[in-house]
All heavy atoms as atom14 arrays in JSON, in Angstrom:
{
  "sequence": "MPKKLQPIKMEDIALYRIPSNLRYSPDGTRLA",
  "atom14_mask": [
    [1, 1, 1, 1, 1, 1, 1, 1, 0, 0, 0, 0, 0, 0],
    [1, 1, 1, 1, 1, 1, 1, 0, 0, 0, 0, 0, 0, 0],
    [1, 1, 1, 1, 1, 1, 1, 1, 1, 0, 0, 0, 0, 0],
    [1, 1, 1, 1, 1, 1, 1, 1, 1, 0, 0, 0, 0, 0],
    [1, 1, 1, 1, 1, 1, 1, 1, 0, 0, 0, 0, 0, 0],
    [1, 1, 1, 1, 1, 1, 1, 1, 1, 0, 0, 0, 0, 0],
    [1, 1, 1, 1, 1, 1, 1, 0, 0, 0, 0, 0, 0, 0],
    [1, 1, 1, 1, 1, 1, 1, 1, 0, 0, 0, 0, 0, 0],
    [1, 1, 1, 1, 1, 1, 1, 1, 1, 0, 0, 0, 0, 0],
    [1, 1, 1, 1, 1, 1, 1, 1, 0, 0, 0, 0, 0, 0],
    [1, 1, 1, 1, 1, 1, 1, 1, 1, 0, 0, 0, 0, 0],
    [1, 1, 1, 1, 1, 1, 1, 1, 0, 0, 0, 0, 0, 0],
    [1, 1, 1, 1, 1, 1, 1, 1, 0, 0, 0, 0, 0, 0],
    [1, 1, 1, 1, 1, 0, 0, 0, 0, 0, 0, 0, 0, 0],
    [1, 1, 1, 1, 1, 1, 1, 1, 0, 0, 0, 0, 0, 0],
    [1, 1, 1, 1, 1, 1, 1, 1, 1, 1, 1, 1, 0, 0],
    [1, 1, 1, 1, 1, 1, 1, 1, 1, 1, 1, 0, 0, 0],
    [1, 1, 1, 1, 1, 1, 1, 1, 0, 0, 0, 0, 0, 0],
    [1, 1, 1, 1, 1, 1, 1, 0, 0, 0, 0, 0, 0, 0],
    [1, 1, 1, 1, 1, 1, 0, 0, 0, 0, 0, 0, 0, 0],
    [1, 1, 1, 1, 1, 1, 1, 1, 0, 0, 0, 0, 0, 0],
    [1, 1, 1, 1, 1, 1, 1, 1, 0, 0, 0, 0, 0, 0],
    [1, 1, 1, 1, 1, 1, 1, 1, 1, 1, 1, 0, 0, 0],
    [1, 1, 1, 1, 1, 1, 1, 1, 1, 1, 1, 1, 0, 0],
    [1, 1, 1, 1, 1, 1, 0, 0, 0, 0, 0, 0, 0, 0],
    [1, 1, 1, 1, 1, 1, 1, 0, 0, 0, 0, 0, 0, 0],
    [1, 1, 1, 1, 1, 1, 1, 1, 0, 0, 0, 0, 0, 0],
    [1, 1, 1, 1, 0, 0, 0, 0, 0, 0, 0, 0, 0, 0],
    [1, 1, 1, 1, 1, 1, 1, 0, 0, 0, 0, 0, 0, 0],
    [1, 1, 1, 1, 1, 1, 1, 1, 1, 1, 1, 0, 0, 0],
    [1, 1, 1, 1, 1, 1, 1, 1, 0, 0, 0, 0, 0, 0],
    [1, 1, 1, 1, 1, 0, 0, 0, 0, 0, 0, 0, 0, 0]
  ],
  "atom14_positions": [
    [[-23.96, 14.4, -9.16], [-23.14, 14.01, -10.29], [-21.79, 13.48, -9.75], [-21.16, 14.11, -8.92], [-22.93, 15.22, -11.2], [-22.02, 14.93, -12.36], [-21.81, 16.38, -13.42], [-22.91, 15.96, -14.72], [0.0, 0.0, 0.0], [0.0, 0.0, 0.0], [0.0, 0.0, 0.0], [0.0, 0.0, 0.0], [0.0, 0.0, 0.0], [0.0, 0.0, 0.0]],
    [[-21.34, 12.31, -10.23], [-20.07, 11.75, -9.74], [-18.87, 12.6, -10.15], [-18.9, 13.29, -11.18], [-20.0, 10.38, -10.41], [-21.19, 10.24, -11.28], [-22.01, 11.48, -11.18], [0.0, 0.0, 0.0], [0.0, 0.0, 0.0], [0.0, 0.0, 0.0], [0.0, 0.0, 0.0], [0.0, 0.0, 0.0], [0.0, 0.0, 0.0], [0.0, 0.0, 0.0]],
    [[-17.85, 12.55, -9.3], [-16.61, 13.27, -9.62], [-15.91, 12.62, -10.81], [-15.92, 11.41, -10.95], [-15.65, 13.19, -8.44], [-15.82, 14.24, -7.42], [-14.76, 14.06, -6.36], [-14.16, 15.38, -5.99], [-13.21, 15.25, -4.9], [0.0, 0.0, 0.0], [0.0, 0.0, 0.0], [0.0, 0.0, 0.0], [0.0, 0.0, 0.0], [0.0, 0.0, 0.0]],
    [[-15.31, 13.45, -11.61], [-14.54, 12.95, -12.74], [-13.19, 12.44, -12.23], [-12.51, 13.14, -11.48], [-14.32, 14.06, -13.77], [-13.61, 13.58, -15.0], [-13.48, 14.7, -16.02], [-12.7, 14.18, -17.22], [-12.46, 15.24, -18.18], [0.0, 0.0, 0.0], [0.0, 0.0, 0.0], [0.0, 0.0, 0.0], [0.0, 0.0, 0.0], [0.0, 0.0, 0.0]],
    [[-12.83, 11.24, -12.6], [-11.56, 10.66, -12.18], [-10.4, 11.36, -12.87], [-10.48, 11.71, -14.05], [-11.51, 9.16, -12.49], [-12.54, 8.31, -11.76], [-12.42, 6.86, -12.22], [-12.36, 8.41, -10.27], [0.0, 0.0, 0.0], [0.0, 0.0, 0.0], [0.0, 0.0, 0.0], [0.0, 0.0, 0.0], [0.0, 0.0, 0.0], [0.0, 0.0, 0.0]],
    [[-9.34, 11.56, -12.13], [-8.15, 12.21, -12.67], [-7.11, 11.14, -13.01], [-7.0, 10.13, -12.31], [-7.56, 13.16, -11.63], [-8.5, 14.3, -11.24], [-8.8, 15.22, -12.41], [-7.91, 15.58, -13.17], [-10.06, 15.57, -12.57], [0.0, 0.0, 0.0], [0.0, 0.0, 0.0], [0.0, 0.0, 0.0], [0.0, 0.0, 0.0], [0.0, 0.0, 0.0]],
    [[-6.31, 11.34, -14.04], [-5.26, 10.38, -14.36], [-4.19, 10.37, -13.27], [-3.98, 11.38, -12.58], [-4.68, 10.89, -15.68], [-5.24, 12.25, -15.9], [-6.38, 12.45, -14.98], [0.0, 0.0, 0.0], [0.0, 0.0, 0.0], [0.0, 0.0, 0.0], [0.0, 0.0, 0.0], [0.0, 0.0, 0.0], [0.0, 0.0, 0.0], [0.0, 0.0, 0.0]],
    [[-3.54, 9.25, -13.11], [-2.45, 9.12, -12.14], [-1.23, 9.84, -12.68], [-0.88, 9.71, -13.85], [-2.13, 7.63, -11.89], [-3.31, 6.96, -11.21], [-0.88, 7.49, -11.04], [-3.14, 5.48, -11.03], [0.0, 0.0, 0.0], [0.0, 0.0, 0.0], [0.0, 0.0, 0.0], [0.0, 0.0, 0.0], [0.0, 0.0, 0.0], [0.0, 0.0, 0.0]],
    [[-0.57, 10.6, -11.81], [0.65, 11.32, -12.18], [1.85, 10.65, -11.5], [1.69, 9.92, -10.53], [0.55, 12.77, -11.71], [-0.61, 13.52, -12.28], [-0.71, 14.89, -11.66], [-2.06, 15.49, -11.99], [-2.47, 16.48, -11.04], [0.0, 0.0, 0.0], [0.0, 0.0, 0.0], [0.0, 0.0, 0.0], [0.0, 0.0, 0.0], [0.0, 0.0, 0.0]],
    [[3.02, 10.94, -11.99], [4.24, 10.37, -11.39], [4.34, 10.73, -9.91], [4.76, 9.92, -9.09], [5.5, 10.86, -12.13], [5.69, 10.24, -13.48], [5.85, 8.45, -13.42], [7.42, 8.29, -12.61], [0.0, 0.0, 0.0], [0.0, 0.0, 0.0], [0.0, 0.0, 0.0], [0.0, 0.0, 0.0], [0.0, 0.0, 0.0], [0.0, 0.0, 0.0]],
    [[3.94, 11.94, -9.54], [4.01, 12.37, -8.14], [3.09, 11.51, -7.26], [3.37, 11.31, -6.08], [3.63, 13.84, -8.01], [4.58, 14.79, -8.71], [4.35, 14.89, -10.23], [3.23, 14.6, -10.71], [5.31, 15.23, -10.93], [0.0, 0.0, 0.0], [0.0, 0.0, 0.0], [0.0, 0.0, 0.0], [0.0, 0.0, 0.0], [0.0, 0.0, 0.0]],
    [[2.0, 11.03, -7.84], [1.08, 10.18, -7.09], [1.75, 8.85, -6.72], [1.54, 8.32, -5.63], [-0.18, 9.89, -7.91], [-0.98, 11.14, -8.2], [-0.92, 12.1, -7.41], [-1.67, 11.15, -9.24], [0.0, 0.0, 0.0], [0.0, 0.0, 0.0], [0.0, 0.0, 0.0], [0.0, 0.0, 0.0], [0.0, 0.0, 0.0], [0.0, 0.0, 0.0]],
    [[2.54, 8.32, -7.62], [3.21, 7.04, -7.37], [4.17, 7.14, -6.2], [4.34, 6.2, -5.43], [3.91, 6.55, -8.65], [2.84, 6.21, -9.7], [4.8, 5.35, -8.38], [3.36, 5.89, -11.05], [0.0, 0.0, 0.0], [0.0, 0.0, 0.0], [0.0, 0.0, 0.0], [0.0, 0.0, 0.0], [0.0, 0.0, 0.0], [0.0, 0.0, 0.0]],
    [[4.77, 8.3, -6.0], [5.69, 8.5, -4.88], [4.96, 8.41, -3.54], [5.59, 8.18, -2.51], [6.4, 9.83, -5.01], [0.0, 0.0, 0.0], [0.0, 0.0, 0.0], [0.0, 0.0, 0.0], [0.0, 0.0, 0.0], [0.0, 0.0, 0.0], [0.0, 0.0, 0.0], [0.0, 0.0, 0.0], [0.0, 0.0, 0.0], [0.0, 0.0, 0.0]],
    [[3.65, 8.55, -3.54], [2.87, 8.45, -2.3], [2.55, 7.01, -1.92], [2.18, 6.74, -0.79], [1.56, 9.24, -2.45], [1.7, 10.73, -2.73], [0.34, 11.34, -3.0], [2.41, 11.43, -1.58], [0.0, 0.0, 0.0], [0.0, 0.0, 0.0], [0.0, 0.0, 0.0], [0.0, 0.0, 0.0], [0.0, 0.0, 0.0], [0.0, 0.0, 0.0]],
    [[2.68, 6.1, -2.86], [2.34, 4.7, -2.61], [3.34, 4.06, -1.66], [4.55, 4.28, -1.77], [2.31, 3.88, -3.89], [1.24, 4.26, -4.89], [1.28, 3.76, -6.16], [0.19, 5.1, -4.56], [0.3, 4.09, -7.1], [-0.8, 5.43, -5.48], [-0.73, 4.92, -6.74], [-1.69, 5.24, -7.66], [0.0, 0.0, 0.0], [0.0, 0.0, 0.0]],
    [[2.84, 3.23, -0.77], [3.66, 2.39, 0.11], [3.16, 0.97, -0.11], [1.98, 0.69, 0.12], [3.52, 2.79, 1.57], [3.91, 4.23, 1.87], [5.4, 4.44, 1.62], [5.84, 5.79, 1.92], [6.05, 6.74, 1.03], [5.83, 6.52, -0.24], [6.47, 7.92, 1.39], [0.0, 0.0, 0.0], [0.0, 0.0, 0.0], [0.0, 0.0, 0.0]],
    [[4.02, 0.1, -0.57], [3.6, -1.24, -0.98], [4.13, -2.28, 0.01], [5.34, -2.53, 0.08], [4.1, -1.54, -2.4], [3.58, -0.46, -3.35], [3.68, -2.93, -2.84], [4.28, -0.41, -4.68], [0.0, 0.0, 0.0], [0.0, 0.0, 0.0], [0.0, 0.0, 0.0], [0.0, 0.0, 0.0], [0.0, 0.0, 0.0], [0.0, 0.0, 0.0]],
    [[3.24, -2.87, 0.82], [3.67, -3.9, 1.76], [3.87, -5.24, 1.04], [3.2, -5.53, 0.04], [2.52, -3.97, 2.76], [1.33, -3.53, 1.98], [1.83, -2.56, 0.94], [0.0, 0.0, 0.0], [0.0, 0.0, 0.0], [0.0, 0.0, 0.0], [0.0, 0.0, 0.0], [0.0, 0.0, 0.0], [0.0, 0.0, 0.0], [0.0, 0.0, 0.0]],
    [[4.81, -6.03, 1.54], [5.06, -7.35, 0.95], [5.8, -8.22, 1.95], [6.26, -7.77, 2.99], [5.87, -7.22, -0.34], [7.13, -6.66, -0.06], [0.0, 0.0, 0.0], [0.0, 0.0, 0.0], [0.0, 0.0, 0.0], [0.0, 0.0, 0.0], [0.0, 0.0, 0.0], [0.0, 0.0, 0.0], [0.0, 0.0, 0.0], [0.0, 0.0, 0.0]],
    [[5.94, -9.48, 1.59], [6.76, -10.45, 2.31], [6.41, -10.53, 3.79], [7.28, -10.43, 4.65], [8.25, -10.12, 2.1], [9.11, -11.35, 2.2], [8.62, -12.46, 2.34], [10.41, -11.16, 2.15], [0.0, 0.0, 0.0], [0.0, 0.0, 0.0], [0.0, 0.0, 0.0], [0.0, 0.0, 0.0], [0.0, 0.0, 0.0], [0.0, 0.0, 0.0]],
    [[5.16, -10.74, 4.09], [4.69, -10.83, 5.47], [5.15, -12.13, 6.12], [5.0, -13.2, 5.52], [3.17, -10.74, 5.53], [2.57, -9.36, 5.29], [2.68, -8.93, 3.85], [1.15, -9.33, 5.75], [0.0, 0.0, 0.0], [0.0, 0.0, 0.0], [0.0, 0.0, 0.0], [0.0, 0.0, 0.0], [0.0, 0.0, 0.0], [0.0, 0.0, 0.0]],
    [[5.7, -12.03, 7.34], [6.18, -13.21, 8.06], [5.77, -13.13, 9.53], [6.18, -12.21, 10.24], [7.71, -13.29, 8.02], [8.33, -13.25, 6.67], [8.26, -14.6, 6.03], [8.82, -14.48, 4.69], [9.35, -15.47, 4.04], [9.39, -16.65, 4.58], [9.82, -15.28, 2.83], [0.0, 0.0, 0.0], [0.0, 0.0, 0.0], [0.0, 0.0, 0.0]],
    [[4.99, -14.1, 9.99], [4.64, -14.16, 11.41], [5.79, -14.77, 12.19], [6.49, -15.66, 11.7], [3.39, -15.0, 11.63], [2.11, -14.22, 11.41], [1.37, -14.37, 10.26], [1.67, -13.34, 12.39], [0.21, -13.65, 10.07], [0.5, -12.61, 12.2], [-0.22, -12.77, 11.05], [-1.36, -12.05, 10.86], [0.0, 0.0, 0.0], [0.0, 0.0, 0.0]],
    [[5.96, -14.31, 13.43], [6.93, -14.92, 14.34], [6.43, -16.33, 14.67], [5.23, -16.61, 14.56], [7.08, -14.08, 15.6], [5.86, -14.01, 16.31], [0.0, 0.0, 0.0], [0.0, 0.0, 0.0], [0.0, 0.0, 0.0], [0.0, 0.0, 0.0], [0.0, 0.0, 0.0], [0.0, 0.0, 0.0], [0.0, 0.0, 0.0], [0.0, 0.0, 0.0]],
    [[7.32, -17.22, 15.11], [6.89, -18.59, 15.41], [5.76, -18.66, 16.43], [4.9, -19.54, 16.34], [8.16, -19.24, 15.96], [9.28, -18.48, 15.33], [8.77, -17.07, 15.23], [0.0, 0.0, 0.0], [0.0, 0.0, 0.0], [0.0, 0.0, 0.0], [0.0, 0.0, 0.0], [0.0, 0.0, 0.0], [0.0, 0.0, 0.0], [0.0, 0.0, 0.0]],
    [[5.72, -17.75, 17.39], [4.64, -17.78, 18.38], [3.39, -17.05, 17.92], [2.38, -17.01, 18.61], [5.12, -17.24, 19.72], [5.51, -15.77, 19.68], [5.34, -15.12, 18.62], [6.0, -15.26, 20.7], [0.0, 0.0, 0.0], [0.0, 0.0, 0.0], [0.0, 0.0, 0.0], [0.0, 0.0, 0.0], [0.0, 0.0, 0.0], [0.0, 0.0, 0.0]],
    [[3.44, -16.43, 16.74], [2.28, -15.78, 16.15], [1.92, -14.42, 16.75], [0.88, -13.87, 16.44], [0.0, 0.0, 0.0], [0.0, 0.0, 0.0], [0.0, 0.0, 0.0], [0.0, 0.0, 0.0], [0.0, 0.0, 0.0], [0.0, 0.0, 0.0], [0.0, 0.0, 0.0], [0.0, 0.0, 0.0], [0.0, 0.0, 0.0], [0.0, 0.0, 0.0]],
    [[2.79, -13.86, 17.6], [2.46, -12.59, 18.25], [2.95, -11.36, 17.5], [2.52, -10.25, 17.78], [3.03, -12.54, 19.68], [4.46, -12.64, 19.61], [2.46, -13.67, 20.53], [0.0, 0.0, 0.0], [0.0, 0.0, 0.0], [0.0, 0.0, 0.0], [0.0, 0.0, 0.0], [0.0, 0.0, 0.0], [0.0, 0.0, 0.0], [0.0, 0.0, 0.0]],
    [[3.89, -11.54, 16.58], [4.44, -10.42, 15.83], [4.43, -10.73, 14.34], [4.5, -11.88, 13.94], [5.88, -10.14, 16.27], [5.95, -9.56, 17.67], [7.35, -9.51, 18.16], [7.72, -10.89, 18.46], [8.94, -11.31, 18.71], [9.94, -10.47, 18.67], [9.19, -12.55, 18.98], [0.0, 0.0, 0.0], [0.0, 0.0, 0.0], [0.0, 0.0, 0.0]],
    [[4.37, -9.68, 13.55], [4.37, -9.81, 12.1], [5.44, -8.89, 11.54], [5.42, -7.69, 11.79], [3.0, -9.41, 11.54], [2.87, -9.36, 10.02], [2.99, -10.77, 9.43], [1.55, -8.73, 9.62], [0.0, 0.0, 0.0], [0.0, 0.0, 0.0], [0.0, 0.0, 0.0], [0.0, 0.0, 0.0], [0.0, 0.0, 0.0], [0.0, 0.0, 0.0]],
    [[6.39, -9.45, 10.82], [7.41, -8.65, 10.14], [7.0, -8.54, 8.67], [6.48, -9.48, 8.08], [8.78, -9.31, 10.25], [0.0, 0.0, 0.0], [0.0, 0.0, 0.0], [0.0, 0.0, 0.0], [0.0, 0.0, 0.0], [0.0, 0.0, 0.0], [0.0, 0.0, 0.0], [0.0, 0.0, 0.0], [0.0, 0.0, 0.0], [0.0, 0.0, 0.0]]
  ]
}
């Protein structure tokens, strides 16, 4: 039987890490 999904709580949102604005270096060896 599948697990019942739980609603998202405010405390759960604090665990999120959201990456954005990816930029490669001109030589393509590093990513900021």
